[in-house]
N, C-alpha and C. Protein backbone atom coordinates (compact mmCIF):
# COMPACT_ATOMS: atom_id res chain seq x y z
N MET A 1 30.18 277.56 49.62
CA MET A 1 31.20 277.46 48.73
C MET A 1 30.33 275.76 48.08
N SER A 2 30.35 275.69 46.17
CA SER A 2 30.14 274.72 45.72
C SER A 2 31.62 273.46 45.71
N ALA A 3 31.70 272.17 45.65
CA ALA A 3 32.54 271.34 45.62
C ALA A 3 32.97 271.57 44.27
N THR A 4 32.59 272.00 43.68
CA THR A 4 33.39 272.53 42.15
C THR A 4 33.90 273.96 41.59
N MET A 5 33.43 274.81 42.63
CA MET A 5 34.63 275.55 43.18
C MET A 5 35.87 274.96 44.21
N ALA A 6 35.55 274.33 45.44
CA ALA A 6 36.47 273.83 45.98
C ALA A 6 37.54 273.53 45.28
N SER A 7 37.00 272.21 44.35
CA SER A 7 38.31 271.35 43.75
C SER A 7 38.97 272.26 42.88
N THR A 8 38.82 273.64 42.45
CA THR A 8 39.55 274.06 41.91
C THR A 8 40.60 275.01 42.05
N MET A 9 39.83 275.47 43.23
CA MET A 9 41.44 276.06 43.85
C MET A 9 42.24 275.93 44.74
N PRO A 10 43.61 276.59 44.46
CA PRO A 10 44.94 275.89 44.22
C PRO A 10 45.06 275.17 46.07
N LYS A 11 45.48 274.04 46.77
CA LYS A 11 45.57 273.94 48.12
C LYS A 11 46.38 273.77 48.53
N HIS A 12 46.81 274.29 50.24
CA HIS A 12 47.71 274.94 50.83
C HIS A 12 48.09 273.63 51.37
N ASP A 13 49.78 273.50 51.31
CA ASP A 13 50.63 272.57 52.40
C ASP A 13 50.35 273.11 53.75
N GLY A 14 50.44 273.06 55.16
CA GLY A 14 50.80 273.86 55.71
C GLY A 14 51.86 274.15 56.21
N ASN A 15 52.37 273.10 55.71
CA ASN A 15 54.08 273.31 55.95
C ASN A 15 54.92 274.94 54.80
N ARG A 16 54.44 275.30 53.87
CA ARG A 16 54.58 275.85 53.39
C ARG A 16 53.70 277.30 52.53
N PRO A 17 53.91 278.62 52.52
CA PRO A 17 53.58 279.98 53.05
C PRO A 17 53.03 279.06 50.81
N LEU A 18 51.36 279.19 50.84
CA LEU A 18 50.60 279.23 49.56
C LEU A 18 51.84 280.50 48.34
N ALA A 19 52.32 281.14 48.49
CA ALA A 19 52.70 281.25 47.01
C ALA A 19 54.21 280.52 46.80
N GLN A 20 55.13 279.77 47.46
CA GLN A 20 55.92 278.44 47.54
C GLN A 20 55.26 277.46 46.78
N ASN A 21 53.57 277.62 47.39
CA ASN A 21 53.29 276.33 46.26
C ASN A 21 52.48 276.67 44.52
N ILE A 22 52.56 277.80 44.76
CA ILE A 22 52.03 278.42 43.58
C ILE A 22 53.54 278.49 42.44
N THR A 23 54.34 279.17 42.60
CA THR A 23 55.67 279.27 42.29
C THR A 23 56.71 277.91 42.11
N ASP A 24 56.59 277.87 40.41
CA ASP A 24 56.79 276.65 40.24
C ASP A 24 59.09 276.96 40.35
N PRO A 25 59.90 275.97 41.27
CA PRO A 25 61.36 276.74 40.99
C PRO A 25 62.19 276.16 39.60
N HIS A 26 61.19 275.23 38.70
CA HIS A 26 61.81 274.46 38.00
C HIS A 26 61.63 275.98 36.30
N ALA A 27 60.82 276.56 36.60
CA ALA A 27 59.91 277.52 35.84
C ALA A 27 60.88 279.24 35.77
N HIS A 28 61.32 279.26 37.61
CA HIS A 28 62.31 280.06 37.65
C HIS A 28 63.55 280.22 36.91
N ALA A 29 64.46 279.22 37.81
CA ALA A 29 65.41 278.91 37.19
C ALA A 29 66.05 278.81 35.08
N ALA A 30 64.42 278.27 34.68
CA ALA A 30 64.29 278.12 33.13
C ALA A 30 64.76 279.78 32.84
N ALA A 31 63.86 280.80 33.79
CA ALA A 31 63.54 282.31 32.93
C ALA A 31 65.50 282.45 33.24
N LYS A 32 65.29 282.26 34.46
CA LYS A 32 66.74 283.02 34.33
C LYS A 32 67.80 282.51 33.40
N ARG A 33 67.65 281.09 33.25
CA ARG A 33 68.78 281.11 31.93
C ARG A 33 68.57 281.57 31.03
N VAL A 34 67.07 281.66 30.91
CA VAL A 34 66.86 282.92 29.27
C VAL A 34 67.59 283.61 29.63
N VAL A 35 67.33 284.58 30.39
CA VAL A 35 67.85 286.43 30.85
C VAL A 35 69.30 286.49 30.40
N VAL A 36 69.88 285.64 31.41
CA VAL A 36 71.35 285.37 31.69
C VAL A 36 72.15 285.75 29.73
N GLY A 37 71.44 283.96 29.15
CA GLY A 37 72.08 284.11 27.90
C GLY A 37 71.25 284.48 26.87
N TYR A 38 70.55 285.65 27.22
CA TYR A 38 70.20 287.69 25.90
C TYR A 38 70.96 288.06 26.43
N GLY A 39 70.89 288.24 27.72
CA GLY A 39 71.98 289.05 28.75
C GLY A 39 73.46 288.86 27.54
N PHE A 40 74.12 288.35 28.12
CA PHE A 40 75.29 288.04 27.71
C PHE A 40 75.41 288.02 25.78
N TRP A 41 74.11 287.58 25.42
CA TRP A 41 74.69 287.75 23.92
C TRP A 41 74.40 289.39 23.25
N ILE A 42 74.21 289.89 23.97
CA ILE A 42 74.00 290.95 23.76
C ILE A 42 75.52 292.02 24.32
N PHE A 43 76.51 291.03 25.41
CA PHE A 43 77.05 291.51 25.51
C PHE A 43 78.19 291.61 24.78
N LEU A 44 78.27 290.40 23.95
CA LEU A 44 79.35 290.38 22.62
C LEU A 44 78.66 290.70 21.63
N ILE A 45 77.93 291.38 21.30
CA ILE A 45 76.99 291.83 19.89
C ILE A 45 77.03 293.69 20.08
N SER A 46 77.77 294.29 21.60
CA SER A 46 77.38 295.28 21.55
C SER A 46 79.10 295.56 21.81
N ASP A 47 79.82 294.48 21.96
CA ASP A 47 81.29 294.54 21.94
C ASP A 47 81.95 294.56 20.85
N ILE A 48 81.13 293.44 19.74
CA ILE A 48 82.02 293.15 18.11
C ILE A 48 81.38 294.32 17.68
N ILE A 49 80.87 295.68 17.89
CA ILE A 49 80.05 297.22 17.70
C ILE A 49 81.40 297.44 18.13
N MET A 50 81.73 297.70 19.24
CA MET A 50 82.22 298.34 19.32
C MET A 50 83.76 298.18 19.04
N PHE A 51 84.32 297.21 18.82
CA PHE A 51 85.44 296.38 17.31
C PHE A 51 85.52 296.67 15.95
N ALA A 52 84.55 296.95 15.78
CA ALA A 52 83.73 297.43 14.78
C ALA A 52 84.27 299.18 14.23
N ALA A 53 84.26 299.30 15.04
CA ALA A 53 84.64 301.09 15.17
C ALA A 53 85.45 301.44 14.93
N PHE A 54 86.35 300.66 15.94
CA PHE A 54 87.77 300.66 16.21
C PHE A 54 88.31 300.26 15.15
N PHE A 55 87.86 299.23 14.07
CA PHE A 55 88.28 299.12 12.29
C PHE A 55 88.40 299.29 11.87
N ALA A 56 86.64 300.41 11.82
CA ALA A 56 86.77 301.93 10.54
C ALA A 56 87.34 302.79 10.98
N THR A 57 87.82 303.29 12.16
CA THR A 57 88.91 304.37 12.44
C THR A 57 90.06 303.82 12.32
N TYR A 58 90.41 302.30 12.60
CA TYR A 58 92.04 302.27 11.77
C TYR A 58 92.01 302.26 10.39
N ALA A 59 91.23 301.78 9.50
CA ALA A 59 90.85 301.86 7.70
C ALA A 59 91.13 303.35 7.86
N VAL A 60 90.26 304.49 7.91
CA VAL A 60 90.67 305.48 7.49
C VAL A 60 91.42 306.36 7.55
N LEU A 61 92.24 305.95 9.13
CA LEU A 61 93.62 306.58 9.27
C LEU A 61 94.92 305.92 8.66
N THR A 62 94.87 304.93 7.77
CA THR A 62 95.65 303.64 7.38
C THR A 62 96.91 304.30 7.00
N ASP A 63 96.42 306.05 6.07
CA ASP A 63 97.51 306.38 5.45
C ASP A 63 98.18 307.44 6.44
N ALA A 64 97.43 307.84 7.21
CA ALA A 64 97.69 309.36 7.88
C ALA A 64 98.80 308.79 9.00
N THR A 65 99.90 308.86 8.25
CA THR A 65 101.41 308.55 8.68
C THR A 65 102.43 309.70 9.32
N ALA A 66 101.90 310.70 8.93
CA ALA A 66 102.48 312.47 9.25
C ALA A 66 103.70 312.31 9.24
N GLY A 67 103.99 311.62 7.93
CA GLY A 67 105.63 310.92 7.53
C GLY A 67 106.32 310.21 8.57
N GLY A 68 105.49 309.49 8.99
CA GLY A 68 105.96 308.57 9.83
C GLY A 68 106.08 307.47 9.09
N PRO A 69 106.95 306.50 10.26
CA PRO A 69 106.41 304.82 9.12
C PRO A 69 105.43 304.44 9.33
N ARG A 70 105.24 303.25 7.73
CA ARG A 70 104.18 302.71 8.17
C ARG A 70 104.06 301.75 8.72
N GLY A 71 102.65 300.45 8.46
CA GLY A 71 102.90 299.64 8.66
C GLY A 71 104.08 298.02 8.20
N ARG A 72 104.22 298.56 7.18
CA ARG A 72 105.54 297.87 6.09
C ARG A 72 106.52 297.43 6.94
N ASP A 73 106.42 298.46 7.39
CA ASP A 73 108.08 299.32 8.12
C ASP A 73 108.23 298.53 9.46
N LEU A 74 107.09 298.50 10.53
CA LEU A 74 107.19 298.02 11.55
C LEU A 74 106.63 296.65 11.65
N PHE A 75 105.57 296.15 11.35
CA PHE A 75 105.15 294.98 11.26
C PHE A 75 106.64 293.66 11.58
N GLU A 76 105.92 293.02 12.59
CA GLU A 76 106.84 292.00 12.35
C GLU A 76 106.30 290.58 11.82
N LEU A 77 106.04 289.97 10.39
CA LEU A 77 104.56 289.17 10.37
C LEU A 77 105.32 287.65 11.70
N HIS A 78 106.85 287.55 11.56
CA HIS A 78 106.64 286.73 12.21
C HIS A 78 106.07 286.24 14.02
N THR A 79 106.72 287.24 14.20
CA THR A 79 106.05 287.39 15.51
C THR A 79 104.90 286.92 16.30
N VAL A 80 103.84 288.06 15.17
CA VAL A 80 103.02 288.00 14.53
C VAL A 80 101.98 286.75 13.96
N ALA A 81 102.37 286.29 13.73
CA ALA A 81 102.29 284.82 13.05
C ALA A 81 102.51 284.00 14.69
N ILE A 82 102.54 283.97 15.02
CA ILE A 82 103.55 283.08 16.24
C ILE A 82 101.70 283.23 17.47
N GLU A 83 101.68 284.80 18.06
CA GLU A 83 101.06 285.00 18.65
C GLU A 83 99.67 284.37 18.13
N THR A 84 99.37 284.71 16.66
CA THR A 84 97.74 284.36 16.14
C THR A 84 97.97 282.57 16.33
N ALA A 85 98.73 281.64 16.38
CA ALA A 85 99.10 279.99 16.74
C ALA A 85 98.53 280.42 18.47
N CYS A 86 99.43 280.77 18.77
CA CYS A 86 98.73 280.55 20.48
C CYS A 86 97.73 280.87 20.74
N LEU A 87 97.06 282.02 20.51
CA LEU A 87 95.73 282.10 20.28
C LEU A 87 94.49 281.72 19.76
N LEU A 88 95.10 280.74 18.38
CA LEU A 88 94.59 280.07 17.62
C LEU A 88 94.45 278.65 18.66
N THR A 89 94.92 277.44 19.29
CA THR A 89 95.62 276.69 20.21
C THR A 89 94.85 277.55 21.49
N SER A 90 94.67 278.28 21.85
CA SER A 90 94.44 278.21 22.90
C SER A 90 92.63 277.94 23.14
N SER A 91 92.52 278.39 21.61
CA SER A 91 90.84 278.26 21.42
C SER A 91 90.36 276.72 21.64
N LEU A 92 91.42 276.43 20.63
CA LEU A 92 90.73 274.50 21.12
C LEU A 92 91.18 274.12 22.14
N PHE A 93 91.42 274.18 22.89
CA PHE A 93 91.69 274.06 24.58
C PHE A 93 91.14 274.70 24.99
N CYS A 94 90.41 275.28 24.84
CA CYS A 94 89.05 276.38 25.56
C CYS A 94 88.30 275.49 25.47
N GLY A 95 88.23 274.80 24.13
CA GLY A 95 86.47 273.72 23.58
C GLY A 95 87.09 272.88 24.41
N LEU A 96 88.24 272.31 24.83
CA LEU A 96 88.08 270.67 25.34
C LEU A 96 87.60 270.92 27.12
N ALA A 97 87.90 272.17 27.23
CA ALA A 97 87.65 272.70 28.60
C ALA A 97 86.42 272.37 29.25
N GLY A 98 85.14 273.18 28.26
CA GLY A 98 83.70 273.13 28.42
C GLY A 98 83.56 272.00 27.40
N ILE A 99 84.35 270.54 27.05
CA ILE A 99 83.39 268.87 27.06
C ILE A 99 83.89 268.83 28.42
N GLY A 100 85.19 269.08 28.94
CA GLY A 100 85.98 268.30 30.24
C GLY A 100 84.40 268.92 31.18
N ALA A 101 83.60 270.28 31.79
CA ALA A 101 82.76 270.11 32.52
C ALA A 101 81.62 269.59 31.88
N GLN A 102 81.19 269.61 30.70
CA GLN A 102 79.94 268.81 30.88
C GLN A 102 79.70 267.41 30.93
N TYR A 103 81.42 267.03 30.96
CA TYR A 103 80.86 265.15 31.43
C TYR A 103 81.41 265.28 32.87
N GLY A 104 81.51 266.34 33.69
CA GLY A 104 82.22 266.34 35.14
C GLY A 104 83.02 266.16 35.10
N ASN A 105 84.71 265.72 33.78
CA ASN A 105 86.03 265.67 33.72
C ASN A 105 86.89 266.61 34.91
N ARG A 106 87.15 266.96 35.91
CA ARG A 106 87.61 267.43 36.32
C ARG A 106 88.92 267.78 35.90
N ARG A 107 89.69 266.45 35.95
CA ARG A 107 91.47 267.10 35.40
C ARG A 107 91.17 267.01 33.88
N LEU A 108 90.37 267.26 33.08
CA LEU A 108 90.38 266.62 31.85
C LEU A 108 90.22 268.34 31.33
N PHE A 109 89.00 269.22 32.64
CA PHE A 109 88.75 270.75 32.58
C PHE A 109 90.35 271.35 32.95
N HIS A 110 90.64 271.08 34.25
CA HIS A 110 91.43 272.17 34.69
C HIS A 110 93.12 272.21 34.03
N CYS A 111 93.05 270.22 33.34
CA CYS A 111 94.12 270.49 32.31
C CYS A 111 94.20 271.80 31.50
N ALA A 112 92.73 271.84 31.14
CA ALA A 112 92.23 272.03 29.64
C ALA A 112 92.42 274.20 29.81
N MET A 113 92.16 274.02 30.55
CA MET A 113 92.10 275.49 30.98
C MET A 113 93.17 276.08 31.45
N VAL A 114 94.07 274.91 32.45
CA VAL A 114 95.67 275.54 32.41
C VAL A 114 96.37 276.33 30.21
N ALA A 115 96.33 275.33 30.22
CA ALA A 115 96.74 275.16 29.49
C ALA A 115 96.30 276.50 27.82
N THR A 116 94.97 276.31 28.24
CA THR A 116 94.57 277.63 27.92
C THR A 116 95.03 279.27 28.16
N PHE A 117 95.42 278.89 29.24
CA PHE A 117 95.69 279.89 30.07
C PHE A 117 97.01 280.79 29.69
N VAL A 118 98.05 279.64 29.75
CA VAL A 118 99.46 280.08 28.95
C VAL A 118 99.69 280.68 28.01
N LEU A 119 98.92 279.32 26.56
CA LEU A 119 98.71 280.16 24.84
C LEU A 119 97.84 281.06 25.36
N GLY A 120 97.15 281.67 26.73
CA GLY A 120 96.73 283.09 26.13
C GLY A 120 97.84 284.25 26.92
N ALA A 121 98.50 283.81 27.90
CA ALA A 121 99.54 284.24 28.77
C ALA A 121 100.59 285.22 27.52
N THR A 122 101.44 283.65 27.02
CA THR A 122 102.34 283.69 25.90
C THR A 122 101.75 284.94 24.70
N PHE A 123 100.80 284.97 24.21
CA PHE A 123 100.08 285.40 23.29
C PHE A 123 100.08 287.34 23.82
N LEU A 124 99.54 287.37 25.22
CA LEU A 124 99.09 288.94 25.85
C LEU A 124 101.28 289.09 25.89
N GLY A 125 101.67 288.49 26.39
CA GLY A 125 103.53 288.75 26.66
C GLY A 125 103.70 289.09 25.00
N LEU A 126 103.59 288.91 23.97
CA LEU A 126 104.28 288.78 22.40
C LEU A 126 103.85 290.37 22.38
N GLU A 127 102.47 290.32 22.69
CA GLU A 127 101.88 291.67 22.72
C GLU A 127 102.53 292.97 23.14
N ILE A 128 102.79 292.81 23.73
CA ILE A 128 103.32 293.83 24.94
C ILE A 128 104.68 293.75 24.89
N HIS A 129 105.03 292.60 24.19
CA HIS A 129 106.62 293.00 23.48
C HIS A 129 106.74 294.11 22.29
N GLU A 130 105.78 293.54 21.16
CA GLU A 130 105.23 293.91 20.15
C GLU A 130 105.41 295.96 20.69
N PHE A 131 104.41 295.77 21.38
CA PHE A 131 104.01 297.54 21.72
C PHE A 131 105.12 297.99 22.55
N THR A 132 105.72 297.75 22.86
CA THR A 132 107.51 298.13 24.15
C THR A 132 108.41 298.27 22.63
N GLY A 133 108.71 297.48 21.64
CA GLY A 133 109.51 297.61 20.96
C GLY A 133 108.97 298.43 20.27
N LEU A 134 107.58 298.91 19.49
CA LEU A 134 107.91 300.15 18.72
C LEU A 134 107.90 301.67 19.75
N ILE A 135 107.31 301.91 20.51
CA ILE A 135 107.23 302.63 21.37
C ILE A 135 108.80 302.67 22.11
N GLU A 136 109.63 301.82 22.25
CA GLU A 136 111.62 302.54 21.96
C GLU A 136 112.09 302.79 20.63
N ALA A 137 111.36 302.44 19.56
CA ALA A 137 111.88 302.59 18.31
C ALA A 137 111.51 304.54 17.66
N GLY A 138 110.55 304.74 18.86
CA GLY A 138 109.44 306.17 18.71
C GLY A 138 108.75 306.07 17.74
N ALA A 139 108.02 304.93 17.75
CA ALA A 139 106.64 304.71 16.59
C ALA A 139 105.13 304.51 17.78
N GLY A 140 105.38 304.84 18.73
CA GLY A 140 104.47 305.18 19.82
C GLY A 140 102.99 305.58 19.06
N PRO A 141 101.38 305.21 19.97
CA PRO A 141 100.51 305.93 19.70
C PRO A 141 100.63 307.57 19.31
N ASP A 142 101.85 308.30 19.90
CA ASP A 142 101.99 309.69 19.97
C ASP A 142 102.37 310.15 18.39
N ARG A 143 103.36 309.31 17.81
CA ARG A 143 103.79 309.85 16.46
C ARG A 143 103.27 310.08 14.86
N SER A 144 102.10 309.52 15.28
CA SER A 144 101.36 309.24 13.88
C SER A 144 98.88 309.05 14.27
N ALA A 145 98.30 309.50 13.52
CA ALA A 145 97.56 309.24 13.70
C ALA A 145 97.26 307.88 12.86
N PHE A 146 97.94 306.97 12.08
CA PHE A 146 97.55 306.10 11.94
C PHE A 146 98.66 305.04 13.11
N LEU A 147 99.54 305.64 14.11
CA LEU A 147 100.08 304.67 14.69
C LEU A 147 98.99 304.60 16.20
N SER A 148 97.78 305.81 16.28
CA SER A 148 97.16 305.84 17.09
C SER A 148 96.36 304.68 17.27
N ALA A 149 95.53 305.18 16.07
CA ALA A 149 94.80 303.69 15.58
C ALA A 149 94.78 302.68 16.13
N PHE A 150 96.60 302.26 15.29
CA PHE A 150 96.52 301.28 15.09
C PHE A 150 96.52 301.08 16.85
N PHE A 151 97.05 301.31 17.83
CA PHE A 151 97.20 301.07 19.57
C PHE A 151 96.29 300.67 19.37
N ALA A 152 94.69 301.61 19.53
CA ALA A 152 93.69 301.66 20.11
C ALA A 152 93.72 300.44 19.49
N LEU A 153 93.27 299.84 18.75
CA LEU A 153 92.40 298.18 18.13
C LEU A 153 93.04 297.40 18.38
N ILE A 154 94.60 297.28 18.10
CA ILE A 154 95.56 296.31 19.40
C ILE A 154 95.50 296.45 20.78
N GLY A 155 95.05 297.21 21.46
CA GLY A 155 95.39 297.63 23.04
C GLY A 155 93.84 296.80 22.88
N CYS A 156 92.98 297.58 22.64
CA CYS A 156 91.49 296.73 23.41
C CYS A 156 91.59 295.64 22.87
N HIS A 157 91.89 294.83 22.08
CA HIS A 157 91.89 293.55 22.18
C HIS A 157 92.33 292.95 23.42
N GLY A 158 94.09 293.17 23.51
CA GLY A 158 95.30 292.64 24.59
C GLY A 158 94.04 292.98 26.08
N LEU A 159 92.89 294.60 26.01
CA LEU A 159 92.90 294.37 27.65
C LEU A 159 91.66 293.35 28.05
N HIS A 160 90.75 292.97 26.41
CA HIS A 160 89.87 292.16 26.28
C HIS A 160 90.54 290.54 26.77
N VAL A 161 91.55 289.46 26.59
CA VAL A 161 92.75 288.78 26.61
C VAL A 161 92.90 288.99 28.00
N THR A 162 93.43 289.87 28.21
CA THR A 162 93.94 289.95 30.16
C THR A 162 92.74 289.77 30.31
N ALA A 163 91.42 290.41 29.45
CA ALA A 163 90.28 290.66 31.01
C ALA A 163 90.32 289.15 30.78
N GLY A 164 89.73 288.19 30.09
CA GLY A 164 89.28 286.45 29.74
C GLY A 164 90.52 285.86 31.12
N LEU A 165 91.87 285.93 30.51
CA LEU A 165 92.48 285.45 31.69
C LEU A 165 91.69 285.83 33.13
N LEU A 166 91.76 286.17 34.01
CA LEU A 166 90.98 286.94 35.08
C LEU A 166 89.99 286.01 34.52
N TRP A 167 88.73 286.05 34.24
CA TRP A 167 87.87 285.15 33.82
C TRP A 167 88.24 284.15 34.33
N LEU A 168 89.14 283.86 33.57
CA LEU A 168 89.00 281.55 33.27
C LEU A 168 90.20 281.08 34.89
N LEU A 169 90.56 282.38 35.23
CA LEU A 169 90.99 281.33 37.02
C LEU A 169 90.18 281.66 37.71
N THR A 170 89.26 282.43 37.37
CA THR A 170 87.61 282.59 38.67
C THR A 170 86.98 281.43 38.37
N MET A 171 87.21 281.43 36.46
CA MET A 171 85.95 279.85 36.86
C MET A 171 86.72 278.90 37.06
N MET A 172 87.73 278.49 36.86
CA MET A 172 88.86 277.79 37.89
C MET A 172 88.46 277.69 39.07
N ALA A 173 88.64 278.56 39.69
CA ALA A 173 88.57 278.47 41.03
C ALA A 173 86.79 277.90 41.66
N GLN A 174 85.89 278.60 40.92
CA GLN A 174 84.24 278.32 41.11
C GLN A 174 84.52 276.69 40.73
N VAL A 175 85.15 275.87 40.27
CA VAL A 175 84.82 274.19 40.04
C VAL A 175 85.54 273.98 40.95
N VAL A 176 86.28 274.00 41.68
CA VAL A 176 87.06 274.17 43.00
C VAL A 176 86.81 273.86 44.06
N ALA A 177 85.96 275.29 44.45
CA ALA A 177 84.85 275.34 45.98
C ALA A 177 83.15 275.17 45.08
N LYS A 178 83.21 275.03 43.92
CA LYS A 178 81.47 274.31 43.57
C LYS A 178 81.03 272.78 42.98
N GLY A 179 82.34 273.20 42.40
CA GLY A 179 81.95 271.96 41.43
C GLY A 179 81.29 272.00 40.01
N PHE A 180 80.79 271.24 39.82
CA PHE A 180 79.91 271.95 37.82
C PHE A 180 78.11 272.28 38.18
N ARG A 181 78.45 272.92 39.23
CA ARG A 181 76.61 272.97 39.34
C ARG A 181 76.38 273.98 37.89
N ASP A 182 74.91 274.12 37.60
CA ASP A 182 74.31 275.12 36.91
C ASP A 182 74.72 275.85 36.57
N ASP A 183 74.80 276.57 37.73
CA ASP A 183 75.28 277.98 36.98
C ASP A 183 76.61 278.07 36.58
N VAL A 184 77.83 277.15 37.83
CA VAL A 184 79.20 277.12 37.41
C VAL A 184 78.49 276.47 36.11
N LEU A 185 78.37 275.94 35.16
CA LEU A 185 78.13 275.45 33.35
C LEU A 185 77.95 276.17 33.20
N ARG A 186 77.19 277.44 32.97
CA ARG A 186 76.79 278.47 31.89
C ARG A 186 77.66 279.43 31.77
N ARG A 187 78.64 279.44 33.78
CA ARG A 187 79.33 280.73 33.24
C ARG A 187 80.88 280.64 32.35
N ILE A 188 80.92 278.77 32.47
CA ILE A 188 81.70 278.11 32.18
C ILE A 188 81.65 278.27 29.80
N LEU A 189 80.14 278.54 29.97
CA LEU A 189 79.85 278.77 28.60
C LEU A 189 79.60 280.24 28.79
N CYS A 190 79.49 281.28 29.12
CA CYS A 190 79.93 282.37 28.99
C CYS A 190 80.65 282.59 28.49
N PHE A 191 82.10 281.99 29.03
CA PHE A 191 83.54 282.23 28.77
C PHE A 191 84.15 281.55 27.88
N GLY A 192 83.81 280.49 27.55
CA GLY A 192 83.89 279.97 26.37
C GLY A 192 83.56 281.25 24.81
N LEU A 193 82.29 281.44 24.79
CA LEU A 193 81.74 281.87 24.23
C LEU A 193 82.29 283.05 24.21
N PHE A 194 82.93 283.34 24.61
CA PHE A 194 83.98 285.20 25.10
C PHE A 194 85.18 284.92 23.84
N TRP A 195 86.35 284.12 24.43
CA TRP A 195 87.69 283.37 24.38
C TRP A 195 87.28 283.37 23.03
N HIS A 196 86.21 282.51 21.86
CA HIS A 196 86.41 282.38 20.82
C HIS A 196 86.03 283.41 20.63
N THR A 197 84.89 284.49 20.92
CA THR A 197 84.77 285.73 19.67
C THR A 197 86.10 286.27 20.00
N LEU A 198 87.03 286.60 20.81
CA LEU A 198 88.27 287.35 20.58
C LEU A 198 89.51 286.51 19.45
N ASP A 199 89.28 285.35 19.66
CA ASP A 199 90.00 284.65 18.74
C ASP A 199 89.29 285.28 17.48
N ILE A 200 88.84 285.28 16.93
CA ILE A 200 87.28 285.60 15.60
C ILE A 200 88.14 287.14 15.63
N ILE A 201 87.88 287.37 16.50
CA ILE A 201 88.19 289.20 16.70
C ILE A 201 89.60 289.05 15.58
N TRP A 202 90.52 288.55 16.44
CA TRP A 202 92.00 288.18 16.05
C TRP A 202 92.29 287.82 15.29
N VAL A 203 91.80 286.81 14.26
CA VAL A 203 91.61 286.66 12.45
C VAL A 203 91.78 287.85 11.86
N ALA A 204 90.64 288.38 11.90
CA ALA A 204 90.01 290.39 11.76
C ALA A 204 91.54 290.79 11.99
N LEU A 205 92.01 290.78 13.18
CA LEU A 205 93.07 291.94 12.98
C LEU A 205 94.29 291.72 12.23
N PHE A 206 94.53 290.54 12.24
CA PHE A 206 95.44 289.93 12.30
C PHE A 206 95.71 290.21 10.19
N SER A 207 94.38 289.61 9.65
CA SER A 207 94.32 289.74 8.27
C SER A 207 94.12 290.86 7.65
N LEU A 208 92.75 292.21 8.27
CA LEU A 208 93.08 293.16 8.49
C LEU A 208 94.62 294.13 8.22
N VAL A 209 95.42 294.03 9.99
CA VAL A 209 95.38 295.28 10.01
C VAL A 209 97.05 294.71 9.33
N TYR A 210 97.68 292.89 10.28
CA TYR A 210 99.16 293.14 10.20
C TYR A 210 98.98 292.04 8.40
N LEU A 211 98.63 291.25 7.32
CA LEU A 211 98.92 291.30 6.32
C LEU A 211 98.28 292.16 4.88
N VAL A 212 97.48 293.49 5.77
CA VAL A 212 97.00 294.53 4.79
C VAL A 212 98.39 295.35 4.31
N GLY A 213 98.99 295.40 6.00
CA GLY A 213 99.85 296.41 6.61
C GLY A 213 100.80 296.21 5.54
N ILE A 214 100.90 294.86 6.05
CA ILE A 214 102.71 294.54 5.36
C ILE A 214 102.82 294.47 4.00
N SER A 215 101.77 294.17 3.30
CA SER A 215 101.67 294.07 1.33
C SER A 215 101.33 295.99 1.14
N GLN A 216 101.10 296.60 2.11
CA GLN A 216 101.26 298.15 1.20
C GLN A 216 102.43 298.93 1.19
């Protein structure tokens, strides 16, 4: 074998397999981050498409009240405004939690996450109270197609908020157990994107369902 060919062949470290010498761990980690990032964005886009389908269904069935109550007869704008304020404020604290995670500030991270959880849970409690009141008043999802679409759309968002609260607690536990490792920071970033997406969807719900419903 010539000296030129020998010099171009990968050198083998006797302490490690040749495959480990050739494989770059940093490149593998970067590829994993790209795959996780694209996968999560695909999840968010598919979620938005699902909500778009619920929005379209609600829009079609708005007038299908079957002689029952309409939105202006049922919606309490004051309560819904408090729900909106809680959820939007929780988004602010969620952003502060992300800043705390990026700078490795555990105190800021945990305090902001606790505030996010309390505000999100308050929003969820008010929504459950609204649903309970409607059902007790005989305006449940079986009363009309309009109410079926309303409960499906708002309830789907409420289930997402519930999942987000469980995810939030999981991230707090992971930070306590593992610290601000790179994989934990990626998960916190994904959680933040998910939570902010729920806020954007709720703004659309508040505008198109409640504000338009009150005015009709």
